Amino acid sequence: MTFDRSGRRLSTGSCAFGIVTGEHRVALVGERANGLRFFIWQFTHDDPAYYNDGYDRFHHTWSVDGGKTWYDGEPLTFDGNDRLLYYDPFGDVVMSEDGQTVFSNVYGVQWSR
């Protein structure tokens, strides 16, 4: 739900905890419970970061169609062509929403203007 500063409800919509905006598009940020794919990743990579701060239970997701479909990954920004770039939680890569690998072997991402 969206509220104004006085507490009046303005609108309701998909359950999300954040947004990433582009020139003409919006991506919703959400979470999904970890499933088999996560546990296979953890077993094969033994990444200690996934044992901390609830990462053993949930991971980020994103949606660009108002919450109708959700995809795994942490949305970062939109590129100049208004394509969403996101961090793949299972692969140390930054991907575009159309499946193209933008950066590989990524340890951390920070954006500025």
Protein backbone atom coordinates (compact mmCIF):
# COMPACT_ATOMS: atom_id res chain seq x y z
CA MET A 1 0.00 0.00 0.00
CA THR A 2 1.10 3.55 -0.64
CA PHE A 3 0.33 6.23 1.97
CA ASP A 4 0.77 9.99 1.91
CA ARG A 5 2.51 11.85 4.72
CA SER A 6 -0.75 12.32 6.66
CA GLY A 7 -1.38 8.55 6.70
CA ARG A 8 -4.14 8.49 4.07
CA ARG A 9 -4.00 5.38 1.85
CA LEU A 10 -3.39 6.37 -1.77
CA SER A 11 -3.27 3.00 -3.53
CA THR A 12 -2.79 -0.73 -3.13
CA GLY A 13 -0.89 -3.10 -5.37
CA SER A 14 1.53 -5.99 -5.51
CA CYS A 15 3.47 -6.88 -2.38
CA ALA A 16 6.96 -5.43 -2.82
CA PHE A 17 9.47 -3.74 -0.53
CA GLY A 18 11.17 -1.47 -3.05
CA ILE A 19 11.28 -0.12 -6.57
CA VAL A 20 13.92 0.63 -9.20
CA THR A 21 12.94 3.21 -11.80
CA GLY A 22 14.06 3.66 -15.38
CA GLU A 23 13.24 6.29 -17.96
CA HIS A 24 9.82 4.80 -18.76
CA ARG A 25 9.68 1.62 -16.65
CA VAL A 26 9.53 0.49 -13.03
CA ALA A 27 10.83 -2.73 -11.46
CA LEU A 28 9.40 -4.00 -8.18
CA VAL A 29 11.77 -5.54 -5.62
CA GLY A 30 10.56 -8.54 -3.64
CA GLU A 31 11.69 -11.71 -1.91
CA ARG A 32 11.14 -15.41 -2.44
CA ALA A 33 11.82 -18.32 -0.15
CA ASN A 34 14.88 -20.32 -1.14
CA GLY A 35 14.17 -23.61 -2.85
CA LEU A 36 16.08 -26.50 -4.35
CA ARG A 37 18.15 -24.26 -6.67
CA PHE A 38 19.52 -22.35 -3.66
CA PHE A 39 20.42 -25.50 -1.73
CA ILE A 40 22.21 -26.97 -4.75
CA TRP A 41 24.14 -23.68 -5.11
CA GLN A 42 25.04 -23.68 -1.40
CA PHE A 43 26.13 -27.33 -1.45
CA THR A 44 28.37 -26.90 -4.51
CA HIS A 45 29.86 -23.50 -3.61
CA ASP A 46 29.85 -23.51 0.23
CA ASP A 47 29.55 -19.70 0.28
CA PRO A 48 29.65 -18.51 3.94
CA ALA A 49 27.72 -15.34 3.06
CA TYR A 50 24.61 -17.46 2.58
CA TYR A 51 24.72 -18.58 6.22
CA ASN A 52 24.26 -15.02 7.52
CA ASP A 53 21.36 -12.56 7.83
CA GLY A 54 18.60 -14.91 6.73
CA TYR A 55 20.18 -15.68 3.34
CA ASP A 56 19.55 -19.33 4.08
CA ARG A 57 15.80 -18.66 3.84
CA PHE A 58 15.12 -15.88 1.28
CA HIS A 59 16.60 -14.18 -1.79
CA HIS A 60 15.70 -11.07 -3.81
CA THR A 61 13.34 -11.14 -6.77
CA TRP A 62 12.19 -8.58 -9.34
CA SER A 63 9.18 -7.91 -11.54
CA VAL A 64 8.75 -5.46 -14.42
CA ASP A 65 5.09 -6.26 -15.12
CA GLY A 66 3.51 -4.94 -11.94
CA GLY A 67 4.03 -8.11 -9.91
CA LYS A 68 2.43 -10.63 -12.29
CA THR A 69 5.69 -12.54 -12.80
CA TRP A 70 8.75 -12.60 -10.53
CA TYR A 71 12.36 -13.52 -11.37
CA ASP A 72 15.32 -14.36 -9.13
CA GLY A 73 17.92 -11.63 -8.67
CA GLU A 74 18.56 -8.24 -7.11
CA PRO A 75 17.45 -5.41 -9.43
CA LEU A 76 20.11 -2.72 -9.77
CA THR A 77 19.30 -0.14 -12.44
CA PHE A 78 17.98 0.31 -15.96
CA ASP A 79 20.46 0.79 -18.80
CA GLY A 80 20.22 3.41 -21.57
CA ASN A 81 17.80 1.18 -23.50
CA ASP A 82 15.51 0.91 -20.44
CA ARG A 83 16.43 -2.75 -19.85
CA LEU A 84 16.66 -3.83 -16.22
CA LEU A 85 20.10 -4.93 -14.99
CA TYR A 86 20.09 -7.31 -12.03
CA TYR A 87 22.55 -9.27 -9.91
CA ASP A 88 22.04 -13.02 -10.23
CA PRO A 89 21.96 -14.50 -6.71
CA PHE A 90 23.35 -17.82 -7.93
CA GLY A 91 26.17 -16.83 -10.24
CA ASP A 92 28.30 -13.72 -9.46
CA VAL A 93 27.13 -12.05 -12.68
CA VAL A 94 25.14 -8.97 -13.61
CA MET A 95 22.49 -9.84 -16.20
CA SER A 96 20.03 -7.85 -18.28
CA GLU A 97 16.37 -8.80 -18.17
CA ASP A 98 16.64 -10.36 -21.63
CA GLY A 99 19.22 -12.89 -20.36
CA GLN A 100 22.41 -11.22 -21.63
CA THR A 101 25.44 -11.33 -19.31
CA VAL A 102 26.59 -7.74 -18.77
CA PHE A 103 29.41 -8.34 -16.24
CA SER A 104 30.89 -11.61 -15.00
CA ASN A 105 32.93 -12.49 -11.90
CA VAL A 106 31.22 -9.72 -9.92
CA TYR A 107 32.04 -9.46 -6.23
CA GLY A 108 30.06 -6.31 -5.43
CA VAL A 109 28.04 -3.70 -7.29
CA GLN A 110 27.54 -0.03 -6.55
CA TRP A 111 25.91 2.50 -8.89
CA SER A 112 26.27 6.27 -8.97
CA ARG A 113 25.25 9.02 -11.31
